[in-house]
Amino acid sequence: MQKIPVYVISLESARERRVLIKAHLDGLKIEYELINAVDGAKLDPGYRESVNPAKNMSPGALGCYLSHLHVYEHIIQNHISVALILEDDTVLHYSVKTLVENGCQNLDFDYCFLGSEDRGDEGYVLYDAGSAVELGSGFNAYLLSSGPYCLNAYLLTLQGAKKRIACAFPARTVIDHYHFLPYRPRFRAIIPMLAFLNEQTAVESLSSATWTISQKQLHKYWWFYPLRDLVKLKSLRKLLSLKRSKFPCAGRWQPFSSAFRVVPRNRLEP
């Protein structure tokens, strides 16, 4: 029996995404439960205002916020020590099956990211190379300087769910911003990361309104991301950020690469 339950957040109307994530997880023989996401556009306006009185969140952002919180509530109600939460545009490395089958030996975290952006609401996120703890099955998790953007694949502990639910309302901003919380979550990440984006949904997930249709199609190719980072001098910016950063504790702090991208299939398969 699989020791870590897996929950996939997906809009009921997102049929193509559901087909893709189902085929992917079935292929890995990972058991999962599909969670119907909250469609923010269908929420009663009065309810939207009651949970977000500042009215600063779009219907989509509020729906995403509530969707993740519903999974947190489920974890609390069922006393689940740790769960893997996925969004439906995720592609996992095949070794994640070993992790969810065998479980975690170390739960010294609130959030542990299998895939994330390399930035967050406090700027570039760094990891402490000397802080590795073994989760089990050979997977190491490292302390992070702050919380990264992107919740497409992460482990959440029972204590992490309880702390977040305790201060969830009123909703102030999107679900992957943490600076406003009355506590500092314990962030870790598995490095190298194990979760990336599906090629077909990457176009929708990462596209800006300023891109043309033909430019948006580039997002489905793995080579687009290193080329984009090179043009934006991302490595140099990270080094400069490393020199300016104030760290939560002493350590060997280093930047890590964004997993919010498409990667070659041979990096995901055995």
Protein backbone atom coordinates (compact mmCIF):
# COMPACT_ATOMS: atom_id res chain seq x y z
CA MET A 1 0.00 0.00 0.00
CA GLN A 2 1.21 3.50 -0.89
CA LYS A 3 2.33 5.32 2.27
CA ILE A 4 1.97 8.92 1.04
CA PRO A 5 -1.47 9.84 -0.35
CA VAL A 6 -1.42 11.88 -3.55
CA TYR A 7 -4.02 14.55 -4.33
CA VAL A 8 -4.37 16.13 -7.78
CA ILE A 9 -6.11 19.51 -7.93
CA SER A 10 -7.92 20.00 -11.24
CA LEU A 11 -10.87 22.00 -12.54
CA GLU A 12 -13.74 19.71 -13.53
CA SER A 13 -13.92 21.53 -16.86
CA ALA A 14 -10.20 20.96 -17.63
CA ARG A 15 -10.82 17.68 -19.43
CA GLU A 16 -7.65 17.63 -21.53
CA ARG A 17 -5.46 18.29 -18.48
CA ARG A 18 -7.23 15.54 -16.59
CA VAL A 19 -6.61 13.06 -19.39
CA LEU A 20 -2.90 13.96 -19.44
CA ILE A 21 -2.31 13.79 -15.67
CA LYS A 22 -4.33 10.57 -15.38
CA ALA A 23 -2.32 8.89 -18.14
CA HIS A 24 0.93 10.10 -16.56
CA LEU A 25 0.20 8.92 -13.01
CA ASP A 26 -1.37 5.66 -14.19
CA GLY A 27 1.77 5.04 -16.23
CA LEU A 28 3.88 5.52 -13.08
CA LYS A 29 1.46 3.29 -11.15
CA ILE A 30 0.98 6.03 -8.55
CA GLU A 31 -2.34 5.96 -6.71
CA TYR A 32 -4.03 9.36 -6.46
CA GLU A 33 -7.28 11.11 -5.67
CA LEU A 34 -8.61 13.73 -8.05
CA ILE A 35 -9.80 16.87 -6.22
CA ASN A 36 -12.23 19.14 -8.04
CA ALA A 37 -10.72 22.62 -7.96
CA VAL A 38 -12.80 25.63 -7.01
CA ASP A 39 -13.81 27.62 -10.08
CA GLY A 40 -13.47 31.17 -8.79
CA ALA A 41 -15.55 32.56 -11.66
CA LYS A 42 -18.56 30.56 -10.45
CA LEU A 43 -18.36 31.68 -6.82
CA ASP A 44 -21.10 33.90 -5.47
CA PRO A 45 -19.84 37.52 -5.46
CA GLY A 46 -20.95 37.95 -1.86
CA TYR A 47 -18.96 34.89 -0.80
CA ARG A 48 -15.90 36.09 -2.73
CA GLU A 49 -16.04 39.40 -0.88
CA SER A 50 -16.51 37.67 2.49
CA VAL A 51 -13.33 35.59 2.12
CA ASN A 52 -11.35 38.32 0.35
CA PRO A 53 -12.66 41.63 1.75
CA ALA A 54 -9.82 43.59 0.12
CA LYS A 55 -11.10 42.43 -3.30
CA ASN A 56 -7.50 42.24 -4.50
CA MET A 57 -7.62 38.66 -5.82
CA SER A 58 -8.90 37.65 -9.24
CA PRO A 59 -11.54 34.89 -9.38
CA GLY A 60 -8.88 32.49 -10.67
CA ALA A 61 -6.42 33.32 -7.89
CA LEU A 62 -9.10 32.98 -5.23
CA GLY A 63 -10.28 29.67 -6.69
CA CYS A 64 -6.72 28.35 -6.61
CA TYR A 65 -6.31 29.56 -3.01
CA LEU A 66 -9.48 27.83 -1.86
CA SER A 67 -8.65 24.65 -3.77
CA HIS A 68 -5.38 24.13 -1.95
CA LEU A 69 -6.99 24.99 1.39
CA HIS A 70 -9.65 22.34 0.82
CA VAL A 71 -6.90 19.73 0.51
CA TYR A 72 -5.32 21.07 3.72
CA GLU A 73 -8.66 20.68 5.51
CA HIS A 74 -8.90 17.11 4.24
CA ILE A 75 -5.40 16.36 5.58
CA ILE A 76 -6.39 17.73 9.00
CA GLN A 77 -9.76 15.96 9.15
CA ASN A 78 -8.16 12.62 8.28
CA HIS A 79 -5.03 13.06 10.44
CA ILE A 80 -2.70 12.50 7.47
CA SER A 81 0.92 12.97 8.57
CA VAL A 82 2.16 14.01 5.11
CA ALA A 83 0.61 14.21 1.63
CA LEU A 84 1.80 14.96 -1.88
CA ILE A 85 -0.27 17.69 -3.54
CA LEU A 86 -0.12 18.11 -7.33
CA GLU A 87 -1.68 20.47 -9.83
CA ASP A 88 -2.85 18.96 -13.10
CA ASP A 89 -0.06 20.39 -15.29
CA THR A 90 2.64 18.42 -13.46
CA VAL A 91 5.05 15.82 -14.83
CA LEU A 92 6.93 13.75 -12.26
CA HIS A 93 10.29 12.01 -12.37
CA TYR A 94 9.71 8.25 -12.29
CA SER A 95 11.51 7.94 -8.92
CA VAL A 96 8.67 9.78 -7.15
CA LYS A 97 6.87 6.43 -7.12
CA THR A 98 9.52 5.10 -4.70
CA LEU A 99 9.05 8.10 -2.42
CA VAL A 100 5.27 7.82 -2.18
CA GLU A 101 5.43 4.04 -1.77
CA ASN A 102 7.98 4.07 1.07
CA GLY A 103 6.99 7.33 2.79
CA CYS A 104 9.05 9.96 4.61
CA GLN A 105 11.28 9.16 7.57
CA ASN A 106 11.84 12.84 8.35
CA LEU A 107 8.97 15.32 8.58
CA ASP A 108 10.93 18.36 9.77
CA PHE A 109 9.15 20.74 7.40
CA ASP A 110 5.82 22.35 6.65
CA TYR A 111 6.31 22.45 2.88
CA CYS A 112 8.78 20.33 0.91
CA PHE A 113 8.81 21.17 -2.80
CA LEU A 114 9.36 18.55 -5.50
CA GLY A 115 9.18 21.30 -8.09
CA SER A 116 8.93 25.08 -7.85
CA GLU A 117 10.04 28.39 -9.27
CA ASP A 118 13.42 29.80 -8.25
CA ARG A 119 11.84 33.05 -7.06
CA GLY A 120 9.28 33.92 -4.44
CA ASP A 121 7.68 37.00 -2.93
CA GLU A 122 10.99 37.72 -1.16
CA GLY A 123 13.09 37.49 -4.34
CA TYR A 124 15.37 34.65 -5.46
CA VAL A 125 15.09 31.58 -3.25
CA LEU A 126 18.28 29.92 -1.99
CA TYR A 127 18.97 26.54 -0.43
CA ASP A 128 21.47 25.56 2.24
CA ALA A 129 23.74 22.92 0.71
CA GLY A 130 24.81 21.79 4.17
CA SER A 131 21.28 21.22 5.51
CA ALA A 132 20.39 17.94 3.79
CA VAL A 133 18.14 15.53 5.66
CA GLU A 134 17.19 12.18 4.17
CA LEU A 135 13.46 11.89 3.62
CA GLY A 136 13.82 8.20 2.83
CA SER A 137 14.64 6.06 -0.22
CA GLY A 138 17.74 8.18 -0.88
CA PHE A 139 15.91 11.50 -1.32
CA ASN A 140 17.49 14.54 0.36
CA ALA A 141 15.59 17.69 1.34
CA TYR A 142 17.32 21.04 1.91
CA LEU A 143 16.36 24.13 3.87
CA LEU A 144 15.18 27.11 1.81
CA SER A 145 15.76 30.78 2.57
CA SER A 146 12.11 31.61 1.82
CA GLY A 147 9.06 30.23 0.03
CA PRO A 148 9.14 29.88 -3.76
CA TYR A 149 6.36 30.61 -6.21
CA CYS A 150 4.49 27.64 -7.65
CA LEU A 151 2.60 24.89 -5.85
CA ASN A 152 2.39 22.37 -8.67
CA ALA A 153 4.11 19.58 -6.65
CA TYR A 154 4.83 19.64 -2.92
CA LEU A 155 4.71 17.60 0.24
CA LEU A 156 2.69 19.11 3.07
CA THR A 157 2.80 17.84 6.65
CA LEU A 158 -0.13 17.74 9.04
CA GLN A 159 1.45 20.49 11.15
CA GLY A 160 2.02 22.59 8.04
CA ALA A 161 -1.65 22.25 7.07
CA LYS A 162 -2.84 23.16 10.57
CA LYS A 163 -0.68 26.30 10.75
CA ARG A 164 -1.80 27.53 7.33
CA ILE A 165 -5.50 26.87 7.93
CA ALA A 166 -5.34 28.70 11.29
CA CYS A 167 -4.58 31.99 9.48
CA ALA A 168 -6.12 31.33 6.07
CA PHE A 169 -8.91 33.93 6.30
CA PRO A 170 -9.39 36.59 5.31
CA ALA A 171 -7.54 35.74 2.12
CA ARG A 172 -4.98 38.47 1.47
CA THR A 173 -3.06 37.33 -1.59
CA VAL A 174 -2.31 34.30 -3.78
CA ILE A 175 -1.66 30.93 -2.17
CA ASP A 176 2.10 30.84 -2.92
CA HIS A 177 2.91 34.13 -1.14
CA TYR A 178 4.07 33.76 2.44
CA HIS A 179 5.45 37.11 3.63
CA PHE A 180 2.13 38.14 5.26
CA LEU A 181 1.79 35.01 7.41
CA PRO A 182 2.03 35.49 11.21
CA TYR A 183 4.62 32.68 11.32
CA ARG A 184 7.54 31.62 9.11
CA PRO A 185 6.85 28.25 7.48
CA ARG A 186 9.57 25.60 7.51
CA PHE A 187 10.45 25.31 3.82
CA ARG A 188 12.49 22.50 2.29
CA ALA A 189 13.00 21.26 -1.28
CA ILE A 190 14.15 18.00 -2.79
CA ILE A 191 17.24 18.74 -4.88
CA PRO A 192 17.59 17.88 -7.69
CA MET A 193 13.91 18.60 -8.22
CA LEU A 194 11.53 15.90 -9.38
CA ALA A 195 8.49 17.72 -10.82
CA PHE A 196 8.20 19.79 -13.99
CA LEU A 197 5.56 20.93 -16.50
CA ASN A 198 3.65 19.02 -19.13
CA GLU A 199 4.63 20.18 -22.63
CA GLN A 200 1.06 20.86 -23.73
CA THR A 201 -0.04 22.79 -20.66
CA ALA A 202 3.22 24.78 -20.39
CA VAL A 203 2.01 27.06 -23.17
CA GLU A 204 -1.05 27.99 -21.13
CA SER A 205 0.66 27.99 -17.72
CA LEU A 206 3.63 30.19 -18.55
CA SER A 207 2.38 32.46 -21.30
CA SER A 208 2.16 36.21 -20.80
CA ALA A 209 -0.40 38.38 -22.53
CA THR A 210 2.49 40.16 -24.28
CA TRP A 211 3.52 37.00 -26.19
CA THR A 212 2.20 36.34 -29.70
CA ILE A 213 0.61 32.96 -30.44
CA SER A 214 3.76 31.73 -32.22
CA GLN A 215 5.99 32.89 -29.35
CA LYS A 216 3.79 31.14 -26.80
CA GLN A 217 4.38 27.83 -28.58
CA LEU A 218 8.06 28.03 -27.64
CA HIS A 219 7.14 27.26 -24.04
CA LYS A 220 6.58 23.59 -24.87
CA TYR A 221 10.22 23.05 -25.88
CA TRP A 222 12.80 22.21 -23.19
CA TRP A 223 15.55 24.27 -24.89
CA PHE A 224 13.49 27.48 -24.62
CA TYR A 225 14.09 27.80 -20.86
CA PRO A 226 17.92 27.76 -20.72
CA LEU A 227 17.96 30.11 -23.72
CA ARG A 228 15.53 32.48 -22.01
CA ASP A 229 17.59 32.42 -18.80
CA LEU A 230 20.76 33.15 -20.75
CA VAL A 231 19.20 36.16 -22.49
CA LYS A 232 17.92 37.46 -19.14
CA LEU A 233 21.36 36.97 -17.49
CA LYS A 234 19.64 34.96 -14.79
CA SER A 235 22.80 33.31 -13.45
CA LEU A 236 24.42 36.71 -12.92
CA ARG A 237 21.30 38.06 -11.20
CA LYS A 238 21.27 35.08 -8.85
CA LEU A 239 24.91 35.62 -7.90
CA LEU A 240 24.22 39.28 -7.15
CA SER A 241 21.17 38.28 -5.12
CA LEU A 242 23.27 35.79 -3.17
CA LYS A 243 25.66 38.56 -2.10
CA ARG A 244 22.84 40.85 -0.99
CA SER A 245 20.65 38.30 0.76
CA LYS A 246 20.03 38.11 4.49
CA PHE A 247 19.83 34.48 5.51
CA PRO A 248 17.57 33.02 8.23
CA CYS A 249 20.54 31.11 9.67
CA ALA A 250 24.20 30.31 8.96
CA GLY A 251 24.78 27.85 6.14
CA ARG A 252 26.19 27.19 2.68
CA TRP A 253 23.52 29.07 0.77
CA GLN A 254 23.26 28.55 -2.99
CA PRO A 255 20.72 29.40 -5.71
CA PHE A 256 18.83 26.59 -7.41
CA SER A 257 17.22 26.26 -10.82
CA SER A 258 13.55 26.72 -11.53
CA ALA A 259 11.58 23.53 -12.12
CA PHE A 260 8.65 25.48 -13.54
CA ARG A 261 9.67 24.43 -17.04
CA VAL A 262 9.52 21.60 -19.53
CA VAL A 263 12.44 19.15 -19.41
CA PRO A 264 13.58 16.44 -21.88
CA ARG A 265 11.69 13.18 -21.45
CA ASN A 266 14.92 11.22 -20.97
CA ARG A 267 15.44 13.08 -17.69
CA LEU A 268 12.14 11.76 -16.38
CA GLU A 269 12.18 8.14 -17.46
CA PRO A 270 14.28 5.22 -16.16
